[in-house]
Amino acid sequence: MSLDKHISELLNLCYCPISLEIMKEPVFNKVSGKTYDRKSVEQWILRYENDPLTKQECNIRDLVINYKLRSLIDLLKDHLNLPEKYPY
């Protein structure tokens, strides 16, 4: 696999699969194992009471801050020009 492909996959981790924006506060859902931006996933869970990707039943108490991803996003934002919205 090429370096460009690895970098692309790494950058994809920075974006919320709900909002398609760079995550400001990434949270890990203990039920599904997926990470989302807190604001987006809390709104989703309050409305649907499930995980947006897996549809597993969950609640806001299942969310924990993903400190490692937050650090990675901060590092990449400092060194790369990441677009705020996901670049399709």
N, C-alpha and C. Protein backbone atom coordinates (compact mmCIF):
# COMPACT_ATOMS: atom_id res chain seq x y z
N MET A 1 0.85 -1.18 0.00
CA MET A 1 0.00 0.00 0.00
C MET A 1 0.90 1.24 0.00
N SER A 2 0.53 2.25 -0.79
CA SER A 2 1.36 3.45 -0.92
C SER A 2 1.22 4.36 0.29
N LEU A 3 2.19 5.21 0.47
CA LEU A 3 2.17 6.17 1.57
C LEU A 3 0.97 7.10 1.45
N ASP A 4 0.64 7.52 0.23
CA ASP A 4 -0.51 8.39 0.01
C ASP A 4 -1.80 7.73 0.49
N LYS A 5 -1.93 6.43 0.26
CA LYS A 5 -3.12 5.70 0.70
C LYS A 5 -3.19 5.67 2.23
N HIS A 6 -2.07 5.45 2.88
CA HIS A 6 -2.03 5.44 4.35
C HIS A 6 -2.40 6.81 4.91
N ILE A 7 -1.86 7.85 4.31
CA ILE A 7 -2.17 9.21 4.76
C ILE A 7 -3.64 9.51 4.56
N SER A 8 -4.19 9.10 3.43
CA SER A 8 -5.61 9.31 3.15
C SER A 8 -6.48 8.61 4.20
N GLU A 9 -6.14 7.38 4.55
CA GLU A 9 -6.91 6.64 5.55
C GLU A 9 -6.79 7.32 6.92
N LEU A 10 -5.62 7.82 7.24
CA LEU A 10 -5.40 8.52 8.49
C LEU A 10 -6.25 9.79 8.55
N LEU A 11 -6.29 10.54 7.47
CA LEU A 11 -7.08 11.76 7.43
C LEU A 11 -8.57 11.47 7.54
N ASN A 12 -9.02 10.35 6.98
CA ASN A 12 -10.44 9.99 7.07
C ASN A 12 -10.89 9.82 8.51
N LEU A 13 -9.97 9.43 9.39
CA LEU A 13 -10.31 9.25 10.81
C LEU A 13 -10.68 10.57 11.48
N CYS A 14 -10.30 11.68 10.89
CA CYS A 14 -10.53 13.00 11.49
C CYS A 14 -11.95 13.51 11.30
N TYR A 15 -12.69 12.89 10.41
CA TYR A 15 -14.01 13.39 10.05
C TYR A 15 -15.13 12.55 10.67
N CYS A 16 -16.15 13.23 11.16
CA CYS A 16 -17.31 12.55 11.74
C CYS A 16 -18.14 11.91 10.62
N PRO A 17 -18.51 10.63 10.77
CA PRO A 17 -19.32 9.99 9.73
C PRO A 17 -20.76 10.52 9.67
N ILE A 18 -21.17 11.32 10.65
CA ILE A 18 -22.52 11.90 10.62
C ILE A 18 -22.48 13.27 9.93
N SER A 19 -21.66 14.17 10.44
CA SER A 19 -21.63 15.54 9.93
C SER A 19 -20.68 15.73 8.76
N LEU A 20 -19.74 14.80 8.59
CA LEU A 20 -18.68 14.88 7.58
C LEU A 20 -17.79 16.11 7.78
N GLU A 21 -17.70 16.57 9.03
CA GLU A 21 -16.82 17.67 9.40
C GLU A 21 -15.73 17.15 10.32
N ILE A 22 -14.63 17.91 10.40
CA ILE A 22 -13.56 17.53 11.32
C ILE A 22 -14.14 17.48 12.73
N MET A 23 -13.82 16.41 13.44
CA MET A 23 -14.35 16.26 14.79
C MET A 23 -13.67 17.24 15.74
N LYS A 24 -14.49 17.98 16.47
CA LYS A 24 -13.98 18.91 17.47
C LYS A 24 -13.84 18.21 18.82
N GLU A 25 -14.77 17.31 19.10
CA GLU A 25 -14.71 16.52 20.34
C GLU A 25 -15.07 15.07 20.01
N PRO A 26 -14.10 14.30 19.52
CA PRO A 26 -14.39 12.91 19.17
C PRO A 26 -14.73 12.08 20.41
N VAL A 27 -15.81 11.32 20.30
CA VAL A 27 -16.21 10.42 21.38
C VAL A 27 -16.37 9.02 20.83
N PHE A 28 -15.99 8.07 21.65
CA PHE A 28 -16.04 6.64 21.34
C PHE A 28 -17.32 6.07 21.93
N ASN A 29 -18.09 5.36 21.12
CA ASN A 29 -19.30 4.69 21.62
C ASN A 29 -18.88 3.31 22.11
N LYS A 30 -18.99 3.08 23.42
CA LYS A 30 -18.58 1.81 24.01
C LYS A 30 -19.40 0.63 23.50
N VAL A 31 -20.60 0.88 23.04
CA VAL A 31 -21.47 -0.19 22.55
C VAL A 31 -21.03 -0.65 21.16
N SER A 32 -20.80 0.30 20.26
CA SER A 32 -20.52 -0.04 18.86
C SER A 32 -19.03 -0.05 18.52
N GLY A 33 -18.23 0.65 19.31
CA GLY A 33 -16.81 0.77 18.99
C GLY A 33 -16.53 1.83 17.95
N LYS A 34 -17.51 2.63 17.59
CA LYS A 34 -17.35 3.68 16.58
C LYS A 34 -17.09 5.02 17.24
N THR A 35 -16.45 5.93 16.51
CA THR A 35 -16.17 7.27 17.01
C THR A 35 -16.88 8.31 16.16
N TYR A 36 -17.43 9.31 16.85
CA TYR A 36 -18.19 10.39 16.22
C TYR A 36 -17.85 11.70 16.91
N ASP A 37 -18.24 12.82 16.31
CA ASP A 37 -18.16 14.09 17.00
C ASP A 37 -19.30 14.15 18.02
N ARG A 38 -18.98 14.59 19.23
CA ARG A 38 -19.96 14.55 20.33
C ARG A 38 -21.29 15.21 19.97
N LYS A 39 -21.26 16.40 19.46
CA LYS A 39 -22.51 17.13 19.17
C LYS A 39 -23.40 16.33 18.22
N SER A 40 -22.82 15.82 17.16
CA SER A 40 -23.60 15.10 16.15
C SER A 40 -24.18 13.80 16.70
N VAL A 41 -23.37 13.03 17.41
CA VAL A 41 -23.85 11.73 17.88
C VAL A 41 -24.83 11.88 19.04
N GLU A 42 -24.65 12.89 19.88
CA GLU A 42 -25.62 13.09 20.96
C GLU A 42 -26.99 13.44 20.39
N GLN A 43 -27.01 14.31 19.38
CA GLN A 43 -28.29 14.64 18.73
C GLN A 43 -28.93 13.39 18.14
N TRP A 44 -28.12 12.56 17.48
CA TRP A 44 -28.62 11.33 16.88
C TRP A 44 -29.21 10.40 17.94
N ILE A 45 -28.44 10.15 18.99
CA ILE A 45 -28.87 9.21 20.03
C ILE A 45 -30.13 9.71 20.74
N LEU A 46 -30.22 11.00 21.00
CA LEU A 46 -31.42 11.54 21.64
C LEU A 46 -32.65 11.34 20.77
N ARG A 47 -32.46 11.38 19.47
CA ARG A 47 -33.59 11.22 18.55
C ARG A 47 -33.93 9.76 18.28
N TYR A 48 -32.90 8.92 18.03
CA TYR A 48 -33.13 7.55 17.57
C TYR A 48 -32.81 6.45 18.59
N GLU A 49 -32.07 6.80 19.64
CA GLU A 49 -31.68 5.85 20.69
C GLU A 49 -30.87 4.67 20.17
N ASN A 50 -30.08 4.92 19.11
CA ASN A 50 -29.19 3.87 18.59
C ASN A 50 -27.95 4.49 17.98
N ASP A 51 -26.99 3.63 17.65
CA ASP A 51 -25.76 4.07 17.01
C ASP A 51 -26.04 4.35 15.53
N PRO A 52 -25.55 5.46 15.00
CA PRO A 52 -25.85 5.80 13.60
C PRO A 52 -25.36 4.80 12.56
N LEU A 53 -24.24 4.15 12.81
CA LEU A 53 -23.70 3.21 11.82
C LEU A 53 -24.15 1.77 12.05
N THR A 54 -24.19 1.34 13.30
CA THR A 54 -24.50 -0.07 13.57
C THR A 54 -25.95 -0.31 13.96
N LYS A 55 -26.64 0.76 14.33
CA LYS A 55 -28.04 0.70 14.78
C LYS A 55 -28.20 -0.06 16.11
N GLN A 56 -27.09 -0.29 16.82
CA GLN A 56 -27.17 -0.92 18.13
C GLN A 56 -27.77 0.06 19.12
N GLU A 57 -28.64 -0.41 20.00
CA GLU A 57 -29.25 0.43 21.01
C GLU A 57 -28.17 0.98 21.93
N CYS A 58 -28.25 2.30 22.22
CA CYS A 58 -27.26 2.92 23.10
C CYS A 58 -27.84 4.21 23.66
N ASN A 59 -27.10 4.81 24.59
CA ASN A 59 -27.49 6.11 25.13
C ASN A 59 -26.24 6.96 25.33
N ILE A 60 -26.44 8.19 25.71
CA ILE A 60 -25.34 9.15 25.83
C ILE A 60 -24.31 8.71 26.86
N ARG A 61 -24.72 7.98 27.87
CA ARG A 61 -23.76 7.49 28.88
C ARG A 61 -22.75 6.51 28.30
N ASP A 62 -23.02 5.99 27.11
CA ASP A 62 -22.09 5.06 26.45
C ASP A 62 -20.95 5.77 25.72
N LEU A 63 -20.96 7.10 25.72
CA LEU A 63 -19.95 7.87 24.99
C LEU A 63 -18.81 8.29 25.91
N VAL A 64 -17.58 8.08 25.46
CA VAL A 64 -16.40 8.53 26.20
C VAL A 64 -15.47 9.28 25.24
N ILE A 65 -14.77 10.27 25.76
CA ILE A 65 -13.88 11.06 24.93
C ILE A 65 -12.77 10.18 24.36
N ASN A 66 -12.53 10.33 23.08
CA ASN A 66 -11.45 9.61 22.40
C ASN A 66 -10.23 10.53 22.39
N TYR A 67 -9.47 10.49 23.50
CA TYR A 67 -8.34 11.40 23.67
C TYR A 67 -7.26 11.21 22.61
N LYS A 68 -6.98 9.97 22.25
CA LYS A 68 -5.93 9.72 21.26
C LYS A 68 -6.30 10.31 19.91
N LEU A 69 -7.55 10.14 19.49
CA LEU A 69 -7.96 10.70 18.20
C LEU A 69 -7.97 12.22 18.27
N ARG A 70 -8.40 12.77 19.40
CA ARG A 70 -8.40 14.22 19.53
C ARG A 70 -6.97 14.77 19.41
N SER A 71 -6.01 14.09 20.01
CA SER A 71 -4.61 14.51 19.91
C SER A 71 -4.11 14.40 18.47
N LEU A 72 -4.50 13.32 17.78
CA LEU A 72 -4.11 13.15 16.38
C LEU A 72 -4.69 14.26 15.51
N ILE A 73 -5.95 14.56 15.70
CA ILE A 73 -6.61 15.62 14.93
C ILE A 73 -5.91 16.95 15.17
N ASP A 74 -5.61 17.27 16.44
CA ASP A 74 -4.91 18.51 16.75
C ASP A 74 -3.55 18.56 16.07
N LEU A 75 -2.83 17.46 16.10
CA LEU A 75 -1.51 17.39 15.47
C LEU A 75 -1.62 17.59 13.96
N LEU A 76 -2.56 16.91 13.33
CA LEU A 76 -2.73 17.03 11.88
C LEU A 76 -3.20 18.43 11.48
N LYS A 77 -4.06 19.03 12.28
CA LYS A 77 -4.52 20.39 11.99
C LYS A 77 -3.38 21.38 12.07
N ASP A 78 -2.45 21.14 12.99
CA ASP A 78 -1.31 22.03 13.15
C ASP A 78 -0.33 21.92 11.98
N HIS A 79 -0.26 20.75 11.33
CA HIS A 79 0.75 20.52 10.32
C HIS A 79 0.23 20.38 8.89
N LEU A 80 -1.07 20.19 8.75
CA LEU A 80 -1.66 20.06 7.42
C LEU A 80 -2.83 21.03 7.28
N ASN A 81 -3.16 21.34 6.09
CA ASN A 81 -4.30 22.21 5.83
C ASN A 81 -5.55 21.35 5.61
N LEU A 82 -6.13 20.86 6.71
CA LEU A 82 -7.30 20.00 6.59
C LEU A 82 -8.54 20.82 6.29
N PRO A 83 -9.30 20.46 5.26
CA PRO A 83 -10.56 21.16 5.03
C PRO A 83 -11.56 20.85 6.13
N GLU A 84 -12.37 21.83 6.50
CA GLU A 84 -13.34 21.65 7.58
C GLU A 84 -14.37 20.57 7.23
N LYS A 85 -14.82 20.57 5.98
CA LYS A 85 -15.77 19.55 5.52
C LYS A 85 -15.01 18.44 4.81
N TYR A 86 -15.57 17.23 4.85
CA TYR A 86 -14.93 16.08 4.22
C TYR A 86 -14.77 16.33 2.73
N PRO A 87 -13.56 16.16 2.19
CA PRO A 87 -13.33 16.39 0.75
C PRO A 87 -13.74 15.17 -0.07
N TYR A 88 -14.88 15.21 -0.67
CA TYR A 88 -15.43 14.07 -1.40
C TYR A 88 -14.55 13.63 -2.51
